[in-house]
Amino acid sequence: MNGTPQNLERLFVVLRGPGPVDASMRVIDFSEPFSDRLRVVEKDHEWRPSGTDSELSRILVVPPFYKDDPRRRDAAAGWMNAASDGGQDSHILVKAGDALVLWRPERAVVAYGGGQLAEVLEAVAEFCFVERLLAGLEREVSLGWPGVEQDTPLAYKIEATDLRRDPEIGLRARGVLQLRMRHVRAEPLVAQAPARFGRLAAELGEGLREQARCEQRLEVLDGQIEVQEYVYELASQRFGEFRHAREGFIIEVIIVALLAAEVVLLLVDLWFSHRQ
């Protein structure tokens, strides 16, 4: 059970990309937070991924009695871990009705033998997309912390030498703003399973979200992005104040220079008048 289905097992692949669609596929089209398409295809069927497709996850579907058969249960667990890189991947176990889902990043085992398999697969595939989206936001925020820590002093003091970093700070501030926009747009999708799902699929989708702590992770991201936004908001204000002060100083110098020139001209005129 190291990559190909055996006996009663069925292996599905979740493709992400704008590839072609046929009647054998379950298709999920997203409009938020960006246009995307998932296709759930049975691996035994003929399919040709397009050059823009990527594999999001694999789903092994097994009969419900697998959970009562230690040998087959261990084999399914081995398949789940076969593609692991040895890291601490999170495993999630969710049961709803007569369906059971074991999930980790890039792989899932579905133990189910009812007539709603297509919708169950769609719910699992949709969760795979949502969790990958959430993990991507978390990764972006994490990667941003070194830059934020480096830029924090600019939130309360700007020196003349810091002005050369203005374009760099502007790019980072724009990146945080775009991150906030993606977070806000992704929130409805991450927070709950779509209303189009029936009861079983909806319960699985909600259970997967609950076990993956999607709501708590969204809240943590909200606080972290807010801190990064605050740093760059203050830094932008300090840059503006510094520029304003410098421009004001230059104007004052010009005014003083003009007044001094006027005084010199007046003194020269008085001197010539006195000579005459």
C-alpha atoms as a PDB file:
ATOM      1  CA  MET A   1       0.000   0.000   0.000  1.00  0.00           C
ATOM      2  CA  ASN A   2       2.892   2.271  -0.825  1.00  0.00           C
ATOM      3  CA  GLY A   3       1.383   4.409  -3.546  1.00  0.00           C
ATOM      4  CA  THR A   4      -1.126   2.294  -5.520  1.00  0.00           C
ATOM      5  CA  PRO A   5      -4.585   1.155  -4.399  1.00  0.00           C
ATOM      6  CA  GLN A   6      -5.144  -2.555  -3.682  1.00  0.00           C
ATOM      7  CA  ASN A   7      -8.279  -4.702  -3.678  1.00  0.00           C
ATOM      8  CA  LEU A   8     -11.208  -2.538  -2.612  1.00  0.00           C
ATOM      9  CA  GLU A   9      -9.151   0.620  -2.147  1.00  0.00           C
ATOM     10  CA  ARG A  10      -9.558   3.599  -4.463  1.00  0.00           C
ATOM     11  CA  LEU A  11      -6.989   6.328  -4.856  1.00  0.00           C
ATOM     12  CA  PHE A  12      -7.960   9.896  -5.782  1.00  0.00           C
ATOM     13  CA  VAL A  13      -5.750  12.873  -6.506  1.00  0.00           C
ATOM     14  CA  VAL A  14      -6.664  16.514  -5.921  1.00  0.00           C
ATOM     15  CA  LEU A  15      -5.298  18.723  -8.695  1.00  0.00           C
ATOM     16  CA  ARG A  16      -5.043  22.468  -8.375  1.00  0.00           C
ATOM     17  CA  GLY A  17      -5.078  24.426 -11.617  1.00  0.00           C
ATOM     18  CA  PRO A  18      -7.194  25.458 -14.603  1.00  0.00           C
ATOM     19  CA  GLY A  19      -6.979  22.111 -16.404  1.00  0.00           C
ATOM     20  CA  PRO A  20      -9.808  20.490 -18.410  1.00  0.00           C
ATOM     21  CA  VAL A  21     -12.907  19.007 -16.818  1.00  0.00           C
ATOM     22  CA  ASP A  22     -14.871  15.853 -17.648  1.00  0.00           C
ATOM     23  CA  ALA A  23     -17.755  13.932 -16.141  1.00  0.00           C
ATOM     24  CA  SER A  24     -15.496  11.696 -14.031  1.00  0.00           C
ATOM     25  CA  MET A  25     -14.221  14.629 -11.946  1.00  0.00           C
ATOM     26  CA  ARG A  26     -15.479  16.544  -8.973  1.00  0.00           C
ATOM     27  CA  VAL A  27     -14.715  20.208  -9.595  1.00  0.00           C
ATOM     28  CA  ILE A  28     -14.537  23.047  -7.066  1.00  0.00           C
ATOM     29  CA  ASP A  29     -14.195  26.605  -8.358  1.00  0.00           C
ATOM     30  CA  PHE A  30     -13.126  29.342  -5.946  1.00  0.00           C
ATOM     31  CA  SER A  31     -13.485  33.076  -6.461  1.00  0.00           C
ATOM     32  CA  GLU A  32     -12.063  34.118  -3.098  1.00  0.00           C
ATOM     33  CA  PRO A  33      -9.417  34.936  -2.034  1.00  0.00           C
ATOM     34  CA  PHE A  34      -8.326  34.453  -5.640  1.00  0.00           C
ATOM     35  CA  SER A  35      -9.548  32.594  -8.669  1.00  0.00           C
ATOM     36  CA  ASP A  36      -8.662  28.915  -8.400  1.00  0.00           C
ATOM     37  CA  ARG A  37      -9.964  25.482  -9.345  1.00  0.00           C
ATOM     38  CA  LEU A  38      -9.655  22.054  -7.762  1.00  0.00           C
ATOM     39  CA  ARG A  39     -10.328  18.805  -9.606  1.00  0.00           C
ATOM     40  CA  VAL A  40     -10.769  15.504  -7.763  1.00  0.00           C
ATOM     41  CA  VAL A  41      -9.800  12.669 -10.111  1.00  0.00           C
ATOM     42  CA  GLU A  42      -9.627   8.920  -9.519  1.00  0.00           C
ATOM     43  CA  LYS A  43      -6.050   7.847 -10.161  1.00  0.00           C
ATOM     44  CA  ASP A  44      -7.081   4.803 -12.199  1.00  0.00           C
ATOM     45  CA  HIS A  45      -8.986   6.948 -14.676  1.00  0.00           C
ATOM     46  CA  GLU A  46      -7.337   8.491 -17.707  1.00  0.00           C
ATOM     47  CA  TRP A  47      -6.318  12.043 -16.955  1.00  0.00           C
ATOM     48  CA  ARG A  48      -3.584  14.312 -18.196  1.00  0.00           C
ATOM     49  CA  PRO A  49      -2.583  17.167 -15.876  1.00  0.00           C
ATOM     50  CA  SER A  50      -1.943  20.406 -17.702  1.00  0.00           C
ATOM     51  CA  GLY A  51       1.377  22.196 -17.366  1.00  0.00           C
ATOM     52  CA  THR A  52      -0.172  24.664 -14.904  1.00  0.00           C
ATOM     53  CA  ASP A  53      -1.640  21.965 -12.623  1.00  0.00           C
ATOM     54  CA  SER A  54      -0.138  21.019  -9.290  1.00  0.00           C
ATOM     55  CA  GLU A  55      -1.018  18.131  -6.982  1.00  0.00           C
ATOM     56  CA  LEU A  56      -2.575  19.372  -3.768  1.00  0.00           C
ATOM     57  CA  SER A  57      -3.297  16.077  -2.033  1.00  0.00           C
ATOM     58  CA  ARG A  58      -3.989  12.358  -2.413  1.00  0.00           C
ATOM     59  CA  ILE A  59      -7.056  10.717  -0.920  1.00  0.00           C
ATOM     60  CA  LEU A  60      -7.222   6.960  -0.309  1.00  0.00           C
ATOM     61  CA  VAL A  61     -10.793   5.697   0.017  1.00  0.00           C
ATOM     62  CA  VAL A  62     -11.234   2.414   1.887  1.00  0.00           C
ATOM     63  CA  PRO A  63     -14.310   0.441   3.081  1.00  0.00           C
ATOM     64  CA  PRO A  64     -15.538   1.215   6.616  1.00  0.00           C
ATOM     65  CA  PHE A  65     -14.431  -2.184   7.957  1.00  0.00           C
ATOM     66  CA  TYR A  66     -10.766  -1.157   7.558  1.00  0.00           C
ATOM     67  CA  LYS A  67     -10.827   0.476  10.982  1.00  0.00           C
ATOM     68  CA  ASP A  68     -11.714  -2.908  12.514  1.00  0.00           C
ATOM     69  CA  ASP A  69      -8.931  -4.767  10.685  1.00  0.00           C
ATOM     70  CA  PRO A  70      -5.561  -4.101  12.414  1.00  0.00           C
ATOM     71  CA  ARG A  71      -3.498  -5.253   9.437  1.00  0.00           C
ATOM     72  CA  ARG A  72      -5.295  -3.076   6.911  1.00  0.00           C
ATOM     73  CA  ARG A  73      -5.499  -0.198   9.412  1.00  0.00           C
ATOM     74  CA  ASP A  74      -1.725  -0.322   9.873  1.00  0.00           C
ATOM     75  CA  ALA A  75      -1.252  -0.482   6.104  1.00  0.00           C
ATOM     76  CA  ALA A  76      -3.398   2.629   5.637  1.00  0.00           C
ATOM     77  CA  ALA A  77      -1.404   4.419   8.340  1.00  0.00           C
ATOM     78  CA  GLY A  78       1.802   3.410   6.567  1.00  0.00           C
ATOM     79  CA  TRP A  79       0.485   4.843   3.314  1.00  0.00           C
ATOM     80  CA  MET A  80      -0.382   8.074   5.122  1.00  0.00           C
ATOM     81  CA  ASN A  81       3.207   8.455   6.319  1.00  0.00           C
ATOM     82  CA  ALA A  82       4.906   7.172   3.155  1.00  0.00           C
ATOM     83  CA  ALA A  83       5.431  10.629   1.638  1.00  0.00           C
ATOM     84  CA  SER A  84       6.313  12.337   4.917  1.00  0.00           C
ATOM     85  CA  ASP A  85       9.670  14.075   5.113  1.00  0.00           C
ATOM     86  CA  GLY A  86      10.099  12.953   8.707  1.00  0.00           C
ATOM     87  CA  GLY A  87       8.858  16.222  10.173  1.00  0.00           C
ATOM     88  CA  GLN A  88       6.157  16.670  12.772  1.00  0.00           C
ATOM     89  CA  ASP A  89       3.162  16.596  10.407  1.00  0.00           C
ATOM     90  CA  SER A  90      -0.163  17.050  12.184  1.00  0.00           C
ATOM     91  CA  HIS A  91      -2.592  14.146  11.922  1.00  0.00           C
ATOM     92  CA  ILE A  92      -6.309  14.840  12.238  1.00  0.00           C
ATOM     93  CA  LEU A  93      -9.007  12.222  12.824  1.00  0.00           C
ATOM     94  CA  VAL A  94     -12.655  13.156  12.233  1.00  0.00           C
ATOM     95  CA  LYS A  95     -15.760  10.957  12.303  1.00  0.00           C
ATOM     96  CA  ALA A  96     -19.216  11.956  11.095  1.00  0.00           C
ATOM     97  CA  GLY A  97     -22.043   9.474  10.654  1.00  0.00           C
ATOM     98  CA  ASP A  98     -20.589   6.353   9.050  1.00  0.00           C
ATOM     99  CA  ALA A  99     -17.630   8.227   7.537  1.00  0.00           C
ATOM    100  CA  LEU A 100     -14.155   8.555   9.032  1.00  0.00           C
ATOM    101  CA  VAL A 101     -11.353  10.799   7.742  1.00  0.00           C
ATOM    102  CA  LEU A 102      -7.688  10.656   8.719  1.00  0.00           C
ATOM    103  CA  TRP A 103      -5.802  13.666   7.342  1.00  0.00           C
ATOM    104  CA  ARG A 104      -2.342  15.132   7.247  1.00  0.00           C
ATOM    105  CA  PRO A 105      -0.803  17.637   4.811  1.00  0.00           C
ATOM    106  CA  GLU A 106      -0.859  16.178   1.285  1.00  0.00           C
ATOM    107  CA  ARG A 107      -2.601  12.907   2.199  1.00  0.00           C
ATOM    108  CA  ALA A 108      -5.919  11.658   3.583  1.00  0.00           C
ATOM    109  CA  VAL A 109      -7.608   8.324   4.197  1.00  0.00           C
ATOM    110  CA  VAL A 110     -11.403   8.212   3.947  1.00  0.00           C
ATOM    111  CA  ALA A 111     -13.180   5.164   5.396  1.00  0.00           C
ATOM    112  CA  TYR A 112     -16.656   5.274   3.889  1.00  0.00           C
ATOM    113  CA  GLY A 113     -18.942   2.992   1.922  1.00  0.00           C
ATOM    114  CA  GLY A 114     -22.118   5.050   1.442  1.00  0.00           C
ATOM    115  CA  GLY A 115     -23.637   6.796  -1.533  1.00  0.00           C
ATOM    116  CA  GLN A 116     -22.351  10.274  -0.723  1.00  0.00           C
ATOM    117  CA  LEU A 117     -18.712   9.548  -1.554  1.00  0.00           C
ATOM    118  CA  ALA A 118     -18.475  12.240  -4.241  1.00  0.00           C
ATOM    119  CA  GLU A 119     -19.571  14.948  -1.811  1.00  0.00           C
ATOM    120  CA  VAL A 120     -17.328  13.583   0.957  1.00  0.00           C
ATOM    121  CA  LEU A 121     -14.358  13.736  -1.422  1.00  0.00           C
ATOM    122  CA  GLU A 122     -15.271  17.301  -2.335  1.00  0.00           C
ATOM    123  CA  ALA A 123     -15.417  18.299   1.338  1.00  0.00           C
ATOM    124  CA  VAL A 124     -12.001  16.751   2.032  1.00  0.00           C
ATOM    125  CA  ALA A 125     -10.477  18.351  -1.081  1.00  0.00           C
ATOM    126  CA  GLU A 126     -11.939  21.730  -0.149  1.00  0.00           C
ATOM    127  CA  PHE A 127     -10.462  21.438   3.352  1.00  0.00           C
ATOM    128  CA  CYS A 128      -7.066  20.554   1.870  1.00  0.00           C
ATOM    129  CA  PHE A 129      -7.200  23.792  -0.116  1.00  0.00           C
ATOM    130  CA  VAL A 130      -8.325  25.825   2.906  1.00  0.00           C
ATOM    131  CA  GLU A 131      -5.647  24.409   5.209  1.00  0.00           C
ATOM    132  CA  ARG A 132      -2.925  25.008   2.590  1.00  0.00           C
ATOM    133  CA  LEU A 133      -4.173  28.586   2.212  1.00  0.00           C
ATOM    134  CA  LEU A 134      -4.100  29.147   5.971  1.00  0.00           C
ATOM    135  CA  ALA A 135      -0.650  27.554   6.320  1.00  0.00           C
ATOM    136  CA  GLY A 136       0.602  29.822   3.520  1.00  0.00           C
ATOM    137  CA  LEU A 137      -0.599  32.931   5.358  1.00  0.00           C
ATOM    138  CA  GLU A 138       1.089  31.702   8.540  1.00  0.00           C
ATOM    139  CA  ARG A 139       4.320  31.127   6.643  1.00  0.00           C
ATOM    140  CA  GLU A 140       4.249  34.629   5.129  1.00  0.00           C
ATOM    141  CA  VAL A 141       3.678  36.241   8.525  1.00  0.00           C
ATOM    142  CA  SER A 142       6.489  34.180  10.057  1.00  0.00           C
ATOM    143  CA  LEU A 143       8.906  35.142   7.283  1.00  0.00           C
ATOM    144  CA  GLY A 144       8.042  38.799   7.814  1.00  0.00           C
ATOM    145  CA  TRP A 145       9.099  38.977  11.471  1.00  0.00           C
ATOM    146  CA  PRO A 146      12.875  39.469  10.916  1.00  0.00           C
ATOM    147  CA  GLY A 147      12.173  42.484   8.705  1.00  0.00           C
ATOM    148  CA  VAL A 148       9.647  43.894  11.180  1.00  0.00           C
ATOM    149  CA  GLU A 149      12.120  43.557  14.052  1.00  0.00           C
ATOM    150  CA  GLN A 150      14.790  45.262  11.963  1.00  0.00           C
ATOM    151  CA  ASP A 151      12.421  48.114  11.082  1.00  0.00           C
ATOM    152  CA  THR A 152      10.922  48.602  14.563  1.00  0.00           C
ATOM    153  CA  PRO A 153      13.376  51.414  15.569  1.00  0.00           C
ATOM    154  CA  LEU A 154      12.022  53.456  12.652  1.00  0.00           C
ATOM    155  CA  ALA A 155       8.644  53.520  14.388  1.00  0.00           C
ATOM    156  CA  TYR A 156       9.908  56.069  16.927  1.00  0.00           C
ATOM    157  CA  LYS A 157      13.011  57.721  15.444  1.00  0.00           C
ATOM    158  CA  ILE A 158      14.252  58.581  11.942  1.00  0.00           C
ATOM    159  CA  GLU A 159      17.755  59.719  11.073  1.00  0.00           C
ATOM    160  CA  ALA A 160      18.882  61.335   7.835  1.00  0.00           C
ATOM    161  CA  THR A 161      20.713  58.123   6.896  1.00  0.00           C
ATOM    162  CA  ASP A 162      17.436  56.203   7.160  1.00  0.00           C
ATOM    163  CA  LEU A 163      15.902  58.060   4.227  1.00  0.00           C
ATOM    164  CA  ARG A 164      17.655  55.794   1.747  1.00  0.00           C
ATOM    165  CA  ARG A 165      15.606  52.904   3.173  1.00  0.00           C
ATOM    166  CA  ASP A 166      12.321  54.647   2.444  1.00  0.00           C
ATOM    167  CA  PRO A 167      11.590  52.632  -0.762  1.00  0.00           C
ATOM    168  CA  GLU A 168      12.429  49.375   1.031  1.00  0.00           C
ATOM    169  CA  ILE A 169      10.140  50.231   3.954  1.00  0.00           C
ATOM    170  CA  GLY A 170       7.400  51.171   1.495  1.00  0.00           C
ATOM    171  CA  LEU A 171       7.613  47.759  -0.162  1.00  0.00           C
ATOM    172  CA  ARG A 172       7.419  45.958   3.180  1.00  0.00           C
ATOM    173  CA  ALA A 173       4.481  48.067   4.280  1.00  0.00           C
ATOM    174  CA  ARG A 174       2.687  47.280   1.027  1.00  0.00           C
ATOM    175  CA  GLY A 175       3.437  43.562   1.535  1.00  0.00           C
ATOM    176  CA  VAL A 176       1.837  43.640   5.004  1.00  0.00           C
ATOM    177  CA  LEU A 177      -1.196  45.466   3.597  1.00  0.00           C
ATOM    178  CA  GLN A 178      -1.593  42.838   0.873  1.00  0.00           C
ATOM    179  CA  LEU A 179      -1.239  40.120   3.524  1.00  0.00           C
ATOM    180  CA  ARG A 180      -4.050  41.734   5.511  1.00  0.00           C
ATOM    181  CA  MET A 181      -6.246  41.815   2.399  1.00  0.00           C
ATOM    182  CA  ARG A 182      -5.678  38.107   1.722  1.00  0.00           C
ATOM    183  CA  HIS A 183      -6.391  37.297   5.386  1.00  0.00           C
ATOM    184  CA  VAL A 184      -9.694  39.178   5.342  1.00  0.00           C
ATOM    185  CA  ARG A 185     -10.769  37.695   2.013  1.00  0.00           C
ATOM    186  CA  ALA A 186      -9.837  34.156   3.080  1.00  0.00           C
ATOM    187  CA  GLU A 187     -11.609  34.335   6.429  1.00  0.00           C
ATOM    188  CA  PRO A 188     -15.127  33.326   5.254  1.00  0.00           C
ATOM    189  CA  LEU A 189     -13.720  30.345   3.350  1.00  0.00           C
ATOM    190  CA  VAL A 190     -11.523  29.181   6.218  1.00  0.00           C
ATOM    191  CA  ALA A 191     -14.071  29.744   8.972  1.00  0.00           C
ATOM    192  CA  GLN A 192     -16.755  27.274   7.909  1.00  0.00           C
ATOM    193  CA  ALA A 193     -17.662  24.607   5.365  1.00  0.00           C
ATOM    194  CA  PRO A 194     -19.666  25.802   2.336  1.00  0.00           C
ATOM    195  CA  ALA A 195     -23.443  25.798   2.602  1.00  0.00           C
ATOM    196  CA  ARG A 196     -23.709  23.706  -0.587  1.00  0.00           C
ATOM    197  CA  PHE A 197     -22.585  20.575   1.274  1.00  0.00           C
ATOM    198  CA  GLY A 198     -25.110  18.092   2.627  1.00  0.00           C
ATOM    199  CA  ARG A 199     -25.189  17.162   6.291  1.00  0.00           C
ATOM    200  CA  LEU A 200     -22.505  14.451   6.217  1.00  0.00           C
ATOM    201  CA  ALA A 201     -20.009  16.417   4.129  1.00  0.00           C
ATOM    202  CA  ALA A 202     -20.690  19.584   6.140  1.00  0.00           C
ATOM    203  CA  GLU A 203     -20.037  17.748   9.427  1.00  0.00           C
ATOM    204  CA  LEU A 204     -16.763  16.380   8.066  1.00  0.00           C
ATOM    205  CA  GLY A 205     -15.722  19.809   6.812  1.00  0.00           C
ATOM    206  CA  GLU A 206     -16.528  21.456  10.131  1.00  0.00           C
ATOM    207  CA  GLY A 207     -14.840  18.658  12.071  1.00  0.00           C
ATOM    208  CA  LEU A 208     -11.666  18.963  10.017  1.00  0.00           C
ATOM    209  CA  ARG A 209     -11.631  22.729  10.572  1.00  0.00           C
ATOM    210  CA  GLU A 210     -12.174  22.290  14.295  1.00  0.00           C
ATOM    211  CA  GLN A 211      -9.422  19.701  14.649  1.00  0.00           C
ATOM    212  CA  ALA A 212      -7.054  21.862  12.575  1.00  0.00           C
ATOM    213  CA  ARG A 213      -7.884  24.833  14.857  1.00  0.00           C
ATOM    214  CA  CYS A 214      -8.661  27.011  11.841  1.00  0.00           C
ATOM    215  CA  GLU A 215     -10.627  29.621  13.805  1.00  0.00           C
ATOM    216  CA  GLN A 216      -7.928  30.012  16.469  1.00  0.00           C
ATOM    217  CA  ARG A 217      -5.210  30.217  13.822  1.00  0.00           C
ATOM    218  CA  LEU A 218      -7.150  32.952  12.031  1.00  0.00           C
ATOM    219  CA  GLU A 219      -7.350  34.918  15.292  1.00  0.00           C
ATOM    220  CA  VAL A 220      -3.617  34.518  15.923  1.00  0.00           C
ATOM    221  CA  LEU A 221      -2.867  35.676  12.375  1.00  0.00           C
ATOM    222  CA  ASP A 222      -5.134  38.682  12.862  1.00  0.00           C
ATOM    223  CA  GLY A 223      -3.161  39.792  15.931  1.00  0.00           C
ATOM    224  CA  GLN A 224       0.221  39.183  14.311  1.00  0.00           C
ATOM    225  CA  ILE A 225      -0.683  41.075  11.133  1.00  0.00           C
ATOM    226  CA  GLU A 226      -2.059  43.925  13.263  1.00  0.00           C
ATOM    227  CA  VAL A 227       1.298  44.278  15.048  1.00  0.00           C
ATOM    228  CA  GLN A 228       3.186  44.352  11.748  1.00  0.00           C
ATOM    229  CA  GLU A 229       0.731  46.910  10.349  1.00  0.00           C
ATOM    230  CA  TYR A 230       1.218  49.108  13.433  1.00  0.00           C
ATOM    231  CA  VAL A 231       5.014  49.107  13.088  1.00  0.00           C
ATOM    232  CA  TYR A 232       4.876  50.229   9.462  1.00  0.00           C
ATOM    233  CA  GLU A 233       2.114  52.736  10.131  1.00  0.00           C
ATOM    234  CA  LEU A 234       4.283  54.418  12.777  1.00  0.00           C
ATOM    235  CA  ALA A 235       7.379  54.189  10.558  1.00  0.00           C
ATOM    236  CA  SER A 236       5.488  55.842   7.688  1.00  0.00           C
ATOM    237  CA  GLN A 237       4.409  58.635  10.020  1.00  0.00           C
ATOM    238  CA  ARG A 238       7.995  59.200  11.193  1.00  0.00           C
ATOM    239  CA  PHE A 239       9.266  59.328   7.608  1.00  0.00           C
ATOM    240  CA  GLY A 240       6.547  61.869   6.767  1.00  0.00           C
ATOM    241  CA  GLU A 241       7.339  63.987   9.815  1.00  0.00           C
ATOM    242  CA  PHE A 242      11.068  63.903   9.039  1.00  0.00           C
ATOM    243  CA  ARG A 243      10.516  64.957   5.442  1.00  0.00           C
ATOM    244  CA  HIS A 244       8.163  67.740   6.533  1.00  0.00           C
ATOM    245  CA  ALA A 245      10.664  68.995   9.106  1.00  0.00           C
ATOM    246  CA  ARG A 246      13.513  68.895   6.594  1.00  0.00           C
ATOM    247  CA  GLU A 247      11.486  70.713   3.948  1.00  0.00           C
ATOM    248  CA  GLY A 248      10.470  73.304   6.548  1.00  0.00           C
ATOM    249  CA  PHE A 249      14.118  73.807   7.518  1.00  0.00           C
ATOM    250  CA  ILE A 250      15.150  74.283   3.877  1.00  0.00           C
ATOM    251  CA  ILE A 251      12.407  76.850   3.364  1.00  0.00           C
ATOM    252  CA  GLU A 252      13.498  78.692   6.497  1.00  0.00           C
ATOM    253  CA  VAL A 253      17.121  78.717   5.292  1.00  0.00           C
ATOM    254  CA  ILE A 254      16.026  80.116   1.924  1.00  0.00           C
ATOM    255  CA  ILE A 255      13.983  82.829   3.623  1.00  0.00           C
ATOM    256  CA  VAL A 256      16.890  83.788   5.882  1.00  0.00           C
ATOM    257  CA  ALA A 257      19.233  83.841   2.873  1.00  0.00           C
ATOM    258  CA  LEU A 258      16.854  86.111   0.962  1.00  0.00           C
ATOM    259  CA  LEU A 259      16.510  88.435   3.937  1.00  0.00           C
ATOM    260  CA  ALA A 260      20.286  88.508   4.333  1.00  0.00           C
ATOM    261  CA  ALA A 261      20.712  89.294   0.635  1.00  0.00           C
ATOM    262  CA  GLU A 262      18.143  92.072   0.956  1.00  0.00           C
ATOM    263  CA  VAL A 263      20.007  93.552   3.938  1.00  0.00           C
ATOM    264  CA  VAL A 264      23.311  93.388   2.034  1.00  0.00           C
ATOM    265  CA  LEU A 265      21.785  95.148  -0.968  1.00  0.00           C
ATOM    266  CA  LEU A 266      20.306  97.789   1.322  1.00  0.00           C
ATOM    267  CA  LEU A 267      23.680  98.373   2.993  1.00  0.00           C
ATOM    268  CA  VAL A 268      25.413  98.600  -0.384  1.00  0.00           C
ATOM    269  CA  ASP A 269      22.824 101.111  -1.561  1.00  0.00           C
ATOM    270  CA  LEU A 270      23.295 103.197   1.588  1.00  0.00           C
ATOM    271  CA  TRP A 271      27.061 103.095   1.187  1.00  0.00           C
ATOM    272  CA  PHE A 272      26.907 104.340  -2.413  1.00  0.00           C
ATOM    273  CA  SER A 273      24.407 107.010  -1.414  1.00  0.00           C
ATOM    274  CA  HIS A 274      26.728 108.175   1.377  1.00  0.00           C
ATOM    275  CA  ARG A 275      29.725 108.356  -1.035  1.00  0.00           C
ATOM    276  CA  GLN A 276      27.799 110.587  -3.363  1.00  0.00           C
END
